[in-house]
Amino acid sequence: MAIVFRTRAEEIALGMTLLGLFFSSVLYGLALSQLYTYYKRFPRDPLSVKVLVCAISQFSMPPLHICFL
């Protein structure tokens, strides 16, 4: 295995990136649980409202941003 030497600034940057990834993943999970709770609590909402909620959730919290961190 290769040994990688990093400067102090690089170590701090990697740590902040890891913290950002962690917090954004937690917030994404909370948003998904709210979406799940909505669909469970309001099963008789009109289909148009359900589609609107689904569309808003897809465009406002894309899961791809976590992959690119």
C-alpha atoms as a PDB file:
ATOM      1  CA  MET A   1       0.000   0.000   0.000  1.00  0.00           C
ATOM      2  CA  ALA A   2       1.344   3.402  -0.940  1.00  0.00           C
ATOM      3  CA  ILE A   3       2.112   5.964   1.719  1.00  0.00           C
ATOM      4  CA  VAL A   4       0.468   9.340   1.117  1.00  0.00           C
ATOM      5  CA  PHE A   5       1.878  12.453   2.756  1.00  0.00           C
ATOM      6  CA  ARG A   6      -0.536  15.336   3.211  1.00  0.00           C
ATOM      7  CA  THR A   7      -0.066  18.826   4.556  1.00  0.00           C
ATOM      8  CA  ARG A   8      -1.986  20.092   7.567  1.00  0.00           C
ATOM      9  CA  ALA A   9      -4.236  22.198   5.318  1.00  0.00           C
ATOM     10  CA  GLU A  10      -5.106  19.155   3.201  1.00  0.00           C
ATOM     11  CA  GLU A  11      -5.950  17.131   6.300  1.00  0.00           C
ATOM     12  CA  ILE A  12      -8.257  19.894   7.549  1.00  0.00           C
ATOM     13  CA  ALA A  13      -9.936  20.159   4.139  1.00  0.00           C
ATOM     14  CA  LEU A  14     -10.543  16.405   4.043  1.00  0.00           C
ATOM     15  CA  GLY A  15     -11.966  16.485   7.566  1.00  0.00           C
ATOM     16  CA  MET A  16     -14.352  19.308   6.706  1.00  0.00           C
ATOM     17  CA  THR A  17     -15.441  17.427   3.584  1.00  0.00           C
ATOM     18  CA  LEU A  18     -16.144  14.345   5.682  1.00  0.00           C
ATOM     19  CA  LEU A  19     -18.181  16.392   8.172  1.00  0.00           C
ATOM     20  CA  GLY A  20     -20.140  18.000   5.335  1.00  0.00           C
ATOM     21  CA  LEU A  21     -20.868  14.602   3.836  1.00  0.00           C
ATOM     22  CA  PHE A  22     -22.031  13.281   7.193  1.00  0.00           C
ATOM     23  CA  PHE A  23     -24.343  16.212   7.956  1.00  0.00           C
ATOM     24  CA  SER A  24     -25.814  16.336   4.453  1.00  0.00           C
ATOM     25  CA  SER A  25     -26.501  12.591   4.621  1.00  0.00           C
ATOM     26  CA  VAL A  26     -28.274  13.003   7.958  1.00  0.00           C
ATOM     27  CA  LEU A  27     -30.396  15.873   6.640  1.00  0.00           C
ATOM     28  CA  TYR A  28     -31.214  13.909   3.486  1.00  0.00           C
ATOM     29  CA  GLY A  29     -32.344  10.973   5.627  1.00  0.00           C
ATOM     30  CA  LEU A  30     -34.548  13.254   7.713  1.00  0.00           C
ATOM     31  CA  ALA A  31     -36.139  14.679   4.570  1.00  0.00           C
ATOM     32  CA  LEU A  32     -36.808  11.180   3.252  1.00  0.00           C
ATOM     33  CA  SER A  33     -38.402  10.159   6.540  1.00  0.00           C
ATOM     34  CA  GLN A  34     -40.685  13.203   6.360  1.00  0.00           C
ATOM     35  CA  LEU A  35     -41.671  12.206   2.830  1.00  0.00           C
ATOM     36  CA  TYR A  36     -42.423   8.654   3.990  1.00  0.00           C
ATOM     37  CA  THR A  37     -44.438   9.960   6.928  1.00  0.00           C
ATOM     38  CA  TYR A  38     -46.484  12.188   4.627  1.00  0.00           C
ATOM     39  CA  TYR A  39     -47.435   9.278   2.378  1.00  0.00           C
ATOM     40  CA  LYS A  40     -48.357   7.114   5.376  1.00  0.00           C
ATOM     41  CA  ARG A  41     -50.411   9.774   7.203  1.00  0.00           C
ATOM     42  CA  PHE A  42     -52.325  11.147   4.221  1.00  0.00           C
ATOM     43  CA  PRO A  43     -53.214   8.214   1.956  1.00  0.00           C
ATOM     44  CA  ARG A  44     -56.431   9.877   0.748  1.00  0.00           C
ATOM     45  CA  ASP A  45     -54.810  13.023  -0.650  1.00  0.00           C
ATOM     46  CA  PRO A  46     -55.518  13.589  -4.336  1.00  0.00           C
ATOM     47  CA  LEU A  47     -53.066  12.077  -6.771  1.00  0.00           C
ATOM     48  CA  SER A  48     -52.120  15.525  -8.061  1.00  0.00           C
ATOM     49  CA  VAL A  49     -50.936  16.562  -4.578  1.00  0.00           C
ATOM     50  CA  LYS A  50     -48.949  13.347  -4.167  1.00  0.00           C
ATOM     51  CA  VAL A  51     -47.276  13.855  -7.542  1.00  0.00           C
ATOM     52  CA  LEU A  52     -46.484  17.463  -6.624  1.00  0.00           C
ATOM     53  CA  VAL A  53     -44.916  16.404  -3.315  1.00  0.00           C
ATOM     54  CA  CYS A  54     -42.881  13.736  -5.069  1.00  0.00           C
ATOM     55  CA  ALA A  55     -41.700  16.178  -7.762  1.00  0.00           C
ATOM     56  CA  ILE A  56     -40.723  18.816  -5.221  1.00  0.00           C
ATOM     57  CA  SER A  57     -38.807  16.266  -3.174  1.00  0.00           C
ATOM     58  CA  GLN A  58     -36.947  15.021  -6.258  1.00  0.00           C
ATOM     59  CA  PHE A  59     -35.899  18.482  -7.406  1.00  0.00           C
ATOM     60  CA  SER A  60     -35.198  20.068  -4.030  1.00  0.00           C
ATOM     61  CA  MET A  61     -33.096  17.291  -2.502  1.00  0.00           C
ATOM     62  CA  PRO A  62     -31.261  15.362  -5.197  1.00  0.00           C
ATOM     63  CA  PRO A  63     -29.328  12.397  -3.800  1.00  0.00           C
ATOM     64  CA  LEU A  64     -26.570  12.827  -6.390  1.00  0.00           C
ATOM     65  CA  HIS A  65     -24.998  15.719  -4.478  1.00  0.00           C
ATOM     66  CA  ILE A  66     -23.855  13.215  -1.856  1.00  0.00           C
ATOM     67  CA  CYS A  67     -22.139  11.085  -4.495  1.00  0.00           C
ATOM     68  CA  PHE A  68     -20.138  14.017  -5.834  1.00  0.00           C
ATOM     69  CA  LEU A  69     -18.708  15.145  -2.484  1.00  0.00           C
END
